[in-house]
Amino acid sequence: MTTTNPTIVDSLHATEAAARHDDGIQAKDLRRAAWACSVGSALEYYDFALYTLASALIFGPLFFPEQTPEMRLIASFGTYFLGFAVRPVGGILFGMLGDRLGRKFVLSATVLLMGVSSALIGALPTFQTAGYLAPVLLVVLRLLQGLGAGAEQAGAAVMMTEYAPPGRRGFYAALPFLGIQMGTLLAAAVYLLMVSDPERITESWLWRLPFLLSVIIIGVGLYMRLRLKESPTFVRMQEHKRTLDNPLKTVLTHSRRTLLIGVGLRLAENGGSSIYQALAVSFIVGVIGLEGPVGVITLICAAAVGACTVPIAGKLSDRFGRVAVYRAFAFLQLALAFPVWWVLSQGEVVASVIAISIALGIGTWGMFGTQAALMPELFGAGHRYMGVSVAREASAAVAGGIAPMVGAGIIAAVVALNPDDPQAATGAWFPIACYLALLTLTTIYTTFKTPETLNRDLDDPRDAAHASPAAF
């Protein structure tokens, strides 16, 4: 469950010579923070990735068997969306606690909430045994999952950005996001072993096992994060009594422009991630008809590519600047949108795997790795956790959560417009690519309104936009 990743190990040992940096952080504390955030994120995101895969592959027949295949997909992705819709609430709730009580407290609470919720999904009755109560319970647990996820990634990024030595924040802040690729790999590997035949799995208890394994996540995640020291920035805020009583009010009053920048930056990354991880997998399996575990294999390959891309993107942002690197990956995603979706419509297994691996693993997750330090650096010290949480999760609701459902709606609309064509759904690739291109163009525009944050003072109570107005 916690196999060592050579990328993290080699990079951490390379910093042994810098046993202390300007904040007085010991090398062992830096390594512990990196492992607690990255491995903790991997374990926690395992839960969320499981739900993504299950939504695309098995939840339809388990919880919505009375619907047509197209409506099953929409209903299944509807519950997927609800988890994203509630994430801003979780971001506000835990963001408030993170800025008032500390980063460590929230990181421990979120792993507990998501772990319990996911384990209980594995114990749910299906529609066959409980009728409409089954999807209702699924929705409730999905909402709890979303609450926890609403602050997890923001907290890990904030913690590592505030821990990292100057000049290397991009790399270190990217490590928790690398952990997310590890969690995706783990979830996909589990499903490769257990869900290679969705019809057989849905008729047995095996679909429950990956969710029940979340019990292990609770124990490991809590152990690692409870041993973690608080971030030096938050410690200094407490010492100088600079913590805010109402960080949400501060964000909404003084950081509206920064919030819009954060949401705009996330549209291409979060929307693209959900489109490729959930919708594309469902498209090549359910619409194109590729057989076997090709969808899960695709995600394994993409996550492996992403595991290399994320830390490289962080290092590139330390050298060339956050905004320039982020914009470059956004342009790459835009350039790949139409060719990749055309390839997916052709039904070639190897080509589909390669296409998604490049588009998701490099284009989308390149933005993901660059974003790790960029988002926390955009906000001032006293409301940083709240600002990052609200910006990330608002975008998750309007882009990431709704994207697969919009895609499923596009497929259903194309089928309805061509009722006599049994291959009509294949033509949905073009409007789906247009939707992805629109999200990406919005993000590219946002990068030209984003101030460069490389090496800014993290103790500054002002947002980057106010600290460097010339950037605008």
Protein backbone atom coordinates (compact mmCIF):
# COMPACT_ATOMS: atom_id res chain seq x y z
CA MET A 1 0.00 0.00 0.00
CA THR A 2 2.88 2.42 0.68
CA THR A 3 5.58 1.28 -1.75
CA THR A 4 8.53 3.64 -2.04
CA ASN A 5 8.58 5.99 -5.03
CA PRO A 6 12.17 6.50 -6.29
CA THR A 7 11.40 10.00 -7.56
CA ILE A 8 10.51 11.21 -4.07
CA VAL A 9 13.34 9.34 -2.33
CA ASP A 10 16.09 10.55 -4.68
CA SER A 11 14.91 14.13 -4.57
CA LEU A 12 14.60 14.21 -0.80
CA HIS A 13 18.05 12.76 -0.25
CA ALA A 14 19.46 15.35 -2.65
CA THR A 15 18.54 18.01 -0.10
CA GLU A 16 20.44 16.47 2.79
CA ALA A 17 23.22 19.05 2.37
CA ALA A 18 20.72 21.80 3.07
CA ALA A 19 19.88 20.50 6.52
CA ARG A 20 18.36 23.84 7.42
CA HIS A 21 16.85 26.55 5.31
CA ASP A 22 15.81 30.08 6.12
CA ASP A 23 12.81 29.01 8.22
CA GLY A 24 15.00 26.82 10.43
CA ILE A 25 13.37 23.62 9.19
CA GLN A 26 15.45 20.50 9.75
CA ALA A 27 15.97 18.15 6.79
CA LYS A 28 14.21 15.36 8.70
CA ASP A 29 11.18 17.60 9.27
CA LEU A 30 11.09 18.49 5.58
CA ARG A 31 11.23 14.81 4.60
CA ARG A 32 8.53 13.92 7.12
CA ALA A 33 6.27 16.68 5.79
CA ALA A 34 6.87 15.56 2.22
CA TRP A 35 5.99 11.95 3.02
CA ALA A 36 3.01 12.82 5.22
CA CYS A 37 1.49 15.09 2.57
CA SER A 38 2.32 13.07 -0.54
CA VAL A 39 1.67 9.56 0.80
CA GLY A 40 -1.30 10.84 2.80
CA SER A 41 -2.74 12.37 -0.36
CA ALA A 42 -2.10 9.12 -2.21
CA LEU A 43 -3.97 7.09 0.39
CA GLU A 44 -6.79 9.59 0.61
CA TYR A 45 -7.14 10.09 -3.14
CA TYR A 46 -7.32 6.32 -3.55
CA ASP A 47 -10.84 6.67 -2.17
CA PHE A 48 -11.84 9.40 -4.57
CA ALA A 49 -10.29 7.66 -7.58
CA LEU A 50 -12.21 4.50 -6.71
CA TYR A 51 -15.46 6.40 -6.92
CA THR A 52 -14.46 7.90 -10.27
CA LEU A 53 -13.77 4.46 -11.74
CA ALA A 54 -16.87 2.93 -10.19
CA SER A 55 -19.03 5.74 -11.61
CA ALA A 56 -17.73 5.02 -15.09
CA LEU A 57 -17.87 1.24 -14.90
CA ILE A 58 -20.21 -0.36 -12.34
CA PHE A 59 -22.41 2.03 -10.33
CA GLY A 60 -24.98 2.31 -13.14
CA PRO A 61 -26.20 -1.31 -13.02
CA LEU A 62 -25.75 -1.54 -9.23
CA PHE A 63 -27.74 1.54 -8.20
CA PHE A 64 -29.69 2.62 -11.31
CA PRO A 65 -30.66 -0.64 -13.07
CA GLU A 66 -34.09 0.57 -14.22
CA GLN A 67 -32.64 3.25 -16.50
CA THR A 68 -31.47 3.02 -20.12
CA PRO A 69 -27.69 2.71 -20.56
CA GLU A 70 -27.42 6.41 -21.44
CA MET A 71 -29.50 7.49 -18.44
CA ARG A 72 -27.58 5.13 -16.15
CA LEU A 73 -24.40 6.92 -17.15
CA ILE A 74 -25.94 10.33 -16.51
CA ALA A 75 -27.33 9.21 -13.12
CA SER A 76 -24.02 7.64 -12.11
CA PHE A 77 -22.06 10.76 -13.09
CA GLY A 78 -24.74 12.80 -11.32
CA THR A 79 -23.71 11.29 -7.99
CA TYR A 80 -20.10 11.86 -9.05
CA PHE A 81 -20.94 15.55 -9.58
CA LEU A 82 -22.57 15.86 -6.14
CA GLY A 83 -19.24 15.06 -4.53
CA PHE A 84 -17.75 18.01 -6.37
CA ALA A 85 -20.75 20.27 -5.72
CA VAL A 86 -20.31 19.95 -1.94
CA ARG A 87 -16.55 20.45 -2.07
CA PRO A 88 -16.77 24.26 -1.81
CA VAL A 89 -18.68 23.75 1.45
CA GLY A 90 -15.90 21.49 2.70
CA GLY A 91 -13.35 24.02 1.49
CA ILE A 92 -15.01 26.81 3.46
CA LEU A 93 -15.53 24.73 6.59
CA PHE A 94 -12.06 23.20 6.76
CA GLY A 95 -10.40 26.29 5.29
CA MET A 96 -11.74 28.26 8.24
CA LEU A 97 -10.32 25.67 10.63
CA GLY A 98 -7.01 25.50 8.74
CA ASP A 99 -6.42 29.25 9.04
CA ARG A 100 -7.55 29.40 12.66
CA LEU A 101 -6.45 26.09 14.22
CA GLY A 102 -3.64 25.02 11.89
CA ARG A 103 -2.87 23.03 8.75
CA LYS A 104 -2.04 19.83 10.63
CA PHE A 105 -5.43 19.58 12.37
CA VAL A 106 -7.37 19.78 9.10
CA LEU A 107 -5.14 17.31 7.26
CA SER A 108 -5.81 14.76 10.00
CA ALA A 109 -9.56 15.41 9.97
CA THR A 110 -9.96 15.08 6.20
CA VAL A 111 -8.26 11.70 5.96
CA LEU A 112 -10.59 10.40 8.69
CA LEU A 113 -13.73 11.73 7.02
CA MET A 114 -12.94 10.40 3.55
CA GLY A 115 -11.70 7.06 4.82
CA VAL A 116 -14.87 6.35 6.83
CA SER A 117 -17.14 7.49 3.99
CA SER A 118 -15.44 5.29 1.42
CA ALA A 119 -15.42 2.25 3.69
CA LEU A 120 -19.16 2.63 4.22
CA ILE A 121 -19.77 2.75 0.45
CA GLY A 122 -18.40 -0.77 0.36
CA ALA A 123 -21.09 -1.82 2.85
CA LEU A 124 -24.06 -0.28 0.99
CA PRO A 125 -27.04 -2.33 -0.16
CA THR A 126 -27.68 -2.20 -3.91
CA PHE A 127 -30.92 -1.27 -5.70
CA GLN A 128 -31.78 -4.94 -5.99
CA THR A 129 -31.94 -5.37 -2.20
CA ALA A 130 -32.93 -1.90 -0.93
CA GLY A 131 -34.67 -0.19 -3.84
CA TYR A 132 -34.39 3.60 -3.98
CA LEU A 133 -32.84 3.72 -0.51
CA ALA A 134 -29.60 2.41 -2.04
CA PRO A 135 -28.88 5.39 -4.34
CA VAL A 136 -29.98 7.78 -1.56
CA LEU A 137 -27.36 6.31 0.80
CA LEU A 138 -24.80 6.42 -1.98
CA VAL A 139 -25.48 10.13 -2.43
CA VAL A 140 -25.12 10.80 1.32
CA LEU A 141 -21.73 9.08 1.50
CA ARG A 142 -20.60 10.77 -1.69
CA LEU A 143 -21.43 14.14 -0.10
CA LEU A 144 -19.32 13.28 2.94
CA GLN A 145 -16.49 12.24 0.63
CA GLY A 146 -16.74 15.59 -1.10
CA LEU A 147 -16.61 17.49 2.20
CA GLY A 148 -13.32 15.83 3.06
CA ALA A 149 -11.87 16.26 -0.41
CA GLY A 150 -12.79 19.94 -0.28
CA ALA A 151 -9.81 20.74 1.91
CA GLU A 152 -7.40 17.83 1.41
CA GLN A 153 -5.48 18.92 -1.67
CA ALA A 154 -5.51 22.58 -0.65
CA GLY A 155 -4.13 21.71 2.79
CA ALA A 156 -1.39 19.48 1.46
CA ALA A 157 -0.29 22.13 -1.06
CA VAL A 158 -0.36 24.91 1.54
CA MET A 159 1.55 22.82 4.07
CA MET A 160 4.33 21.86 1.65
CA THR A 161 4.59 25.35 0.13
CA GLU A 162 5.05 26.82 3.63
CA TYR A 163 7.54 24.09 4.57
CA ALA A 164 9.67 24.19 1.41
CA PRO A 165 13.03 25.99 1.13
CA PRO A 166 13.15 29.13 -1.03
CA GLY A 167 13.85 28.35 -4.65
CA ARG A 168 12.39 24.83 -4.42
CA ARG A 169 8.79 25.48 -3.46
CA GLY A 170 7.47 24.39 -6.83
CA PHE A 171 9.07 20.97 -6.57
CA TYR A 172 8.19 20.29 -2.94
CA ALA A 173 4.64 21.59 -3.23
CA ALA A 174 4.16 19.24 -6.20
CA LEU A 175 4.98 16.15 -4.11
CA PRO A 176 1.50 15.85 -2.54
CA PHE A 177 0.06 16.09 -6.06
CA LEU A 178 2.44 13.33 -7.11
CA GLY A 179 0.86 11.36 -4.28
CA ILE A 180 -2.47 11.77 -6.03
CA GLN A 181 -1.07 10.00 -9.08
CA MET A 182 0.08 7.23 -6.75
CA GLY A 183 -3.43 6.98 -5.34
CA THR A 184 -4.89 6.80 -8.85
CA LEU A 185 -2.42 4.07 -9.74
CA LEU A 186 -3.35 2.11 -6.65
CA ALA A 187 -7.09 2.44 -7.25
CA ALA A 188 -6.75 1.51 -10.92
CA ALA A 189 -4.55 -1.47 -10.08
CA VAL A 190 -7.12 -2.74 -7.60
CA TYR A 191 -9.85 -2.44 -10.21
CA LEU A 192 -7.66 -4.11 -12.82
CA LEU A 193 -7.54 -7.14 -10.55
CA MET A 194 -11.15 -7.09 -9.43
CA VAL A 195 -13.22 -5.37 -12.09
CA SER A 196 -11.83 -6.82 -15.31
CA ASP A 197 -15.33 -8.17 -15.96
CA PRO A 198 -17.85 -5.51 -14.81
CA GLU A 199 -20.91 -7.71 -15.36
CA ARG A 200 -19.49 -10.51 -13.22
CA ILE A 201 -18.27 -8.10 -10.53
CA THR A 202 -21.63 -6.36 -10.16
CA GLU A 203 -23.25 -9.72 -9.47
CA SER A 204 -20.85 -10.54 -6.62
CA TRP A 205 -19.47 -8.88 -3.50
CA LEU A 206 -16.03 -8.19 -5.01
CA TRP A 207 -16.88 -4.62 -6.00
CA ARG A 208 -17.12 -3.84 -2.29
CA LEU A 209 -13.61 -4.92 -1.37
CA PRO A 210 -11.68 -1.90 -2.75
CA PHE A 211 -13.90 0.44 -0.72
CA LEU A 212 -13.66 -1.64 2.45
CA LEU A 213 -9.88 -1.45 2.20
CA SER A 214 -10.26 2.23 3.09
CA VAL A 215 -10.18 1.14 6.73
CA ILE A 216 -6.44 0.76 6.26
CA ILE A 217 -6.28 4.28 4.86
CA ILE A 218 -7.73 5.71 8.06
CA GLY A 219 -5.05 4.16 10.23
CA VAL A 220 -2.04 4.87 8.00
CA GLY A 221 -3.15 8.40 7.11
CA LEU A 222 -3.83 9.42 10.70
CA TYR A 223 -0.54 7.96 11.93
CA MET A 224 1.51 9.88 9.39
CA ARG A 225 -0.26 13.19 9.79
CA LEU A 226 -0.48 13.23 13.57
CA ARG A 227 3.33 12.95 13.68
CA LEU A 228 3.71 15.98 11.42
CA LYS A 229 4.81 19.36 12.82
CA GLU A 230 2.79 22.48 12.09
CA SER A 231 3.92 24.64 9.15
CA PRO A 232 6.46 27.35 10.07
CA THR A 233 4.33 30.11 8.53
CA PHE A 234 1.35 29.24 10.70
CA VAL A 235 3.56 28.93 13.79
CA ARG A 236 4.86 32.47 13.20
CA MET A 237 1.32 33.77 12.71
CA GLN A 238 0.33 32.29 16.06
CA GLU A 239 3.42 33.69 17.78
CA HIS A 240 2.68 37.19 16.49
CA LYS A 241 -1.09 36.81 16.99
CA ARG A 242 -1.81 37.34 13.29
CA THR A 243 -4.34 34.56 12.80
CA LEU A 244 -7.68 35.84 11.54
CA ASP A 245 -11.00 35.31 13.31
CA ASN A 246 -12.90 35.24 10.02
CA PRO A 247 -10.66 34.32 7.07
CA LEU A 248 -13.72 33.75 4.87
CA LYS A 249 -14.75 37.40 5.25
CA THR A 250 -11.22 38.48 4.41
CA VAL A 251 -11.18 36.31 1.28
CA LEU A 252 -14.56 37.52 0.06
CA THR A 253 -13.74 41.16 0.83
CA HIS A 254 -10.13 41.49 -0.29
CA SER A 255 -9.41 38.46 -2.51
CA ARG A 256 -12.25 38.39 -5.03
CA ARG A 257 -9.90 38.99 -7.97
CA THR A 258 -7.49 36.36 -6.72
CA LEU A 259 -10.36 33.88 -6.33
CA LEU A 260 -11.43 34.47 -9.92
CA ILE A 261 -7.85 33.90 -11.06
CA GLY A 262 -7.69 30.65 -9.10
CA VAL A 263 -10.98 29.41 -10.55
CA GLY A 264 -9.93 30.36 -14.07
CA LEU A 265 -6.61 28.56 -13.74
CA ARG A 266 -8.37 25.42 -12.58
CA LEU A 267 -10.98 25.16 -15.36
CA ALA A 268 -8.67 23.47 -17.86
CA GLU A 269 -6.85 21.30 -15.32
CA ASN A 270 -9.78 20.13 -13.22
CA GLY A 271 -12.20 19.91 -16.12
CA GLY A 272 -9.66 18.10 -18.28
CA SER A 273 -8.79 15.70 -15.48
CA SER A 274 -12.40 14.67 -14.97
CA ILE A 275 -13.10 14.48 -18.72
CA TYR A 276 -10.19 12.14 -19.32
CA GLN A 277 -10.40 10.07 -16.12
CA ALA A 278 -14.16 9.52 -16.02
CA LEU A 279 -15.80 10.45 -19.33
CA ALA A 280 -13.10 9.19 -21.71
CA VAL A 281 -12.92 5.85 -19.89
CA SER A 282 -16.68 5.47 -20.11
CA PHE A 283 -16.65 6.57 -23.77
CA ILE A 284 -14.13 4.01 -24.99
CA VAL A 285 -15.75 1.20 -23.00
CA GLY A 286 -19.48 1.99 -23.12
CA VAL A 287 -19.77 3.83 -26.45
CA ILE A 288 -16.91 2.58 -28.60
CA GLY A 289 -17.15 -0.91 -27.14
CA LEU A 290 -13.53 -1.69 -26.29
CA GLU A 291 -13.58 -4.91 -24.28
CA GLY A 292 -11.69 -6.07 -21.23
CA PRO A 293 -10.02 -3.85 -18.64
CA VAL A 294 -8.83 -1.32 -21.22
CA GLY A 295 -10.31 1.64 -19.31
CA VAL A 296 -8.44 0.80 -16.13
CA ILE A 297 -5.22 0.03 -18.01
CA THR A 298 -5.50 3.44 -19.64
CA LEU A 299 -5.68 5.18 -16.27
CA ILE A 300 -2.74 3.16 -14.95
CA CYS A 301 -0.61 4.27 -17.91
CA ALA A 302 -1.77 7.89 -17.64
CA ALA A 303 -1.10 7.99 -13.90
CA ALA A 304 2.38 6.52 -14.44
CA VAL A 305 3.13 9.28 -16.95
CA GLY A 306 1.62 11.86 -14.58
CA ALA A 307 3.80 10.62 -11.71
CA CYS A 308 6.81 11.68 -13.77
CA THR A 309 5.25 14.89 -15.10
CA VAL A 310 4.07 16.38 -11.80
CA PRO A 311 7.47 16.79 -10.03
CA ILE A 312 9.11 17.84 -13.31
CA ALA A 313 6.47 20.54 -13.74
CA GLY A 314 7.16 21.73 -10.21
CA LYS A 315 10.90 21.92 -10.88
CA LEU A 316 10.32 23.75 -14.18
CA SER A 317 8.19 26.32 -12.38
CA ASP A 318 11.05 26.93 -9.93
CA ARG A 319 13.33 27.71 -12.86
CA PHE A 320 11.12 29.45 -15.44
CA GLY A 321 8.29 30.82 -13.29
CA ARG A 322 4.87 29.50 -12.36
CA VAL A 323 2.78 31.34 -14.94
CA ALA A 324 4.90 30.59 -18.02
CA VAL A 325 5.04 26.87 -17.26
CA TYR A 326 1.33 26.68 -16.44
CA ARG A 327 0.46 28.45 -19.71
CA ALA A 328 2.69 26.09 -21.72
CA PHE A 329 0.92 22.99 -20.39
CA ALA A 330 -2.48 24.61 -21.03
CA PHE A 331 -1.52 25.23 -24.67
CA LEU A 332 -0.43 21.59 -24.92
CA GLN A 333 -3.83 20.40 -23.67
CA LEU A 334 -5.56 22.66 -26.20
CA ALA A 335 -3.43 21.35 -29.06
CA LEU A 336 -4.20 17.74 -28.09
CA ALA A 337 -7.96 18.04 -27.47
CA PHE A 338 -9.29 17.32 -30.97
CA PRO A 339 -6.64 14.78 -32.09
CA VAL A 340 -7.02 12.79 -28.87
CA TRP A 341 -10.82 12.60 -28.98
CA TRP A 342 -10.71 11.67 -32.66
CA VAL A 343 -8.32 8.82 -31.81
CA LEU A 344 -10.69 7.65 -29.06
CA SER A 345 -13.55 7.50 -31.56
CA GLN A 346 -11.61 5.10 -33.80
CA GLY A 347 -11.71 2.19 -31.37
CA GLU A 348 -8.01 1.29 -31.46
CA VAL A 349 -6.91 0.01 -28.06
CA VAL A 350 -3.20 0.88 -28.16
CA ALA A 351 -3.79 4.27 -29.77
CA SER A 352 -6.47 5.14 -27.19
CA VAL A 353 -4.19 4.23 -24.29
CA ILE A 354 -1.34 6.30 -25.70
CA ALA A 355 -3.60 9.27 -26.49
CA ILE A 356 -5.10 9.51 -22.99
CA SER A 357 -1.73 8.88 -21.35
CA ILE A 358 -0.18 11.85 -23.17
CA ALA A 359 -3.15 14.20 -22.90
CA LEU A 360 -3.92 13.49 -19.24
CA GLY A 361 -0.48 12.48 -18.01
CA ILE A 362 1.43 15.40 -19.55
CA GLY A 363 -0.97 18.17 -20.61
CA THR A 364 -3.49 18.10 -17.77
CA TRP A 365 -1.27 16.91 -14.95
CA GLY A 366 1.51 19.26 -16.02
CA MET A 367 -0.81 22.10 -15.03
CA PHE A 368 -1.61 20.14 -11.87
CA GLY A 369 2.04 19.99 -10.79
CA THR A 370 2.67 23.65 -11.58
CA GLN A 371 -0.45 24.70 -9.71
CA ALA A 372 0.76 23.17 -6.44
CA ALA A 373 2.90 26.15 -5.42
CA LEU A 374 1.18 28.76 -7.59
CA MET A 375 -2.18 28.61 -5.83
CA PRO A 376 -0.90 29.01 -2.23
CA GLU A 377 1.51 31.76 -3.31
CA LEU A 378 -1.39 33.76 -4.78
CA PHE A 379 -2.96 34.32 -1.32
CA GLY A 380 -1.82 36.16 1.80
CA ALA A 381 -0.64 34.28 4.88
CA GLY A 382 -3.63 34.79 7.18
CA HIS A 383 -6.27 33.55 4.73
CA ARG A 384 -4.18 31.26 2.51
CA TYR A 385 -5.86 27.95 3.42
CA MET A 386 -9.31 29.47 2.97
CA GLY A 387 -8.41 31.18 -0.30
CA VAL A 388 -6.86 28.09 -1.88
CA SER A 389 -9.73 25.87 -0.70
CA VAL A 390 -12.48 28.14 -2.02
CA ALA A 391 -10.76 28.76 -5.36
CA ARG A 392 -9.97 25.10 -5.91
CA GLU A 393 -13.33 23.74 -4.92
CA ALA A 394 -15.46 26.36 -6.62
CA SER A 395 -13.70 25.42 -9.84
CA ALA A 396 -14.15 21.74 -9.00
CA ALA A 397 -17.89 22.25 -8.85
CA VAL A 398 -18.22 24.27 -12.08
CA ALA A 399 -15.65 22.31 -14.12
CA GLY A 400 -14.43 19.00 -12.69
CA GLY A 401 -17.66 17.69 -11.23
CA ILE A 402 -19.98 18.73 -14.01
CA ALA A 403 -17.68 17.91 -16.95
CA PRO A 404 -18.39 14.14 -17.12
CA MET A 405 -22.12 14.78 -16.73
CA VAL A 406 -22.03 17.38 -19.53
CA GLY A 407 -20.17 14.87 -21.66
CA ALA A 408 -22.71 12.15 -20.91
CA GLY A 409 -25.46 14.63 -21.83
CA ILE A 410 -23.69 15.35 -25.13
CA ILE A 411 -23.58 11.64 -25.91
CA ALA A 412 -27.27 11.24 -25.08
CA ALA A 413 -28.17 14.27 -27.23
CA VAL A 414 -26.20 12.96 -30.21
CA VAL A 415 -27.99 9.61 -29.91
CA ALA A 416 -31.39 11.31 -29.66
CA LEU A 417 -30.69 13.38 -32.78
CA ASN A 418 -29.76 10.27 -34.77
CA PRO A 419 -32.18 7.56 -33.54
CA ASP A 420 -31.74 5.36 -36.62
CA ASP A 421 -27.95 5.27 -36.49
CA PRO A 422 -26.61 2.58 -34.12
CA GLN A 423 -23.16 4.21 -34.25
CA ALA A 424 -24.41 7.74 -33.60
CA ALA A 425 -22.80 8.06 -30.16
CA THR A 426 -19.36 7.75 -31.75
CA GLY A 427 -19.84 11.19 -33.28
CA ALA A 428 -20.01 12.79 -29.83
CA TRP A 429 -16.21 13.02 -29.84
CA PHE A 430 -16.23 16.38 -31.66
CA PRO A 431 -18.58 18.37 -29.36
CA ILE A 432 -16.83 16.86 -26.32
CA ALA A 433 -13.48 18.08 -27.69
CA CYS A 434 -15.04 21.52 -28.27
CA TYR A 435 -16.15 21.61 -24.63
CA LEU A 436 -12.65 20.72 -23.43
CA ALA A 437 -11.14 23.37 -25.74
CA LEU A 438 -13.48 26.02 -24.32
CA LEU A 439 -12.41 25.25 -20.75
CA THR A 440 -8.75 25.34 -21.79
CA LEU A 441 -9.02 28.63 -23.66
CA THR A 442 -10.54 30.20 -20.54
CA THR A 443 -7.55 29.07 -18.51
CA ILE A 444 -5.07 30.35 -21.09
CA TYR A 445 -6.74 33.76 -20.94
CA THR A 446 -6.52 33.67 -17.13
CA THR A 447 -2.76 33.08 -17.20
CA PHE A 448 -2.34 36.51 -18.82
CA LYS A 449 -4.10 38.04 -15.80
CA THR A 450 -2.11 36.07 -13.22
CA PRO A 451 0.81 37.70 -11.35
CA GLU A 452 4.09 35.80 -11.17
CA THR A 453 4.50 34.42 -7.64
CA LEU A 454 7.93 32.78 -7.80
CA ASN A 455 9.77 33.16 -4.47
CA ARG A 456 7.36 35.70 -2.98
CA ASP A 457 7.35 36.21 0.81
CA LEU A 458 4.87 33.70 2.25
CA ASP A 459 4.51 35.71 5.47
CA ASP A 460 3.10 38.66 3.51
CA PRO A 461 -0.54 39.14 4.55
CA ARG A 462 -1.38 40.58 1.13
CA ASP A 463 -2.36 38.59 -1.96
CA ALA A 464 0.19 38.45 -4.78
CA ALA A 465 -2.04 40.72 -6.87
CA HIS A 466 -1.75 43.45 -4.24
CA ALA A 467 1.92 42.81 -3.50
CA SER A 468 2.91 43.17 -7.17
CA PRO A 469 0.30 45.32 -8.93
CA ALA A 470 2.62 45.88 -11.87
CA ALA A 471 1.86 42.31 -12.94
CA PHE A 472 -1.57 43.52 -14.00
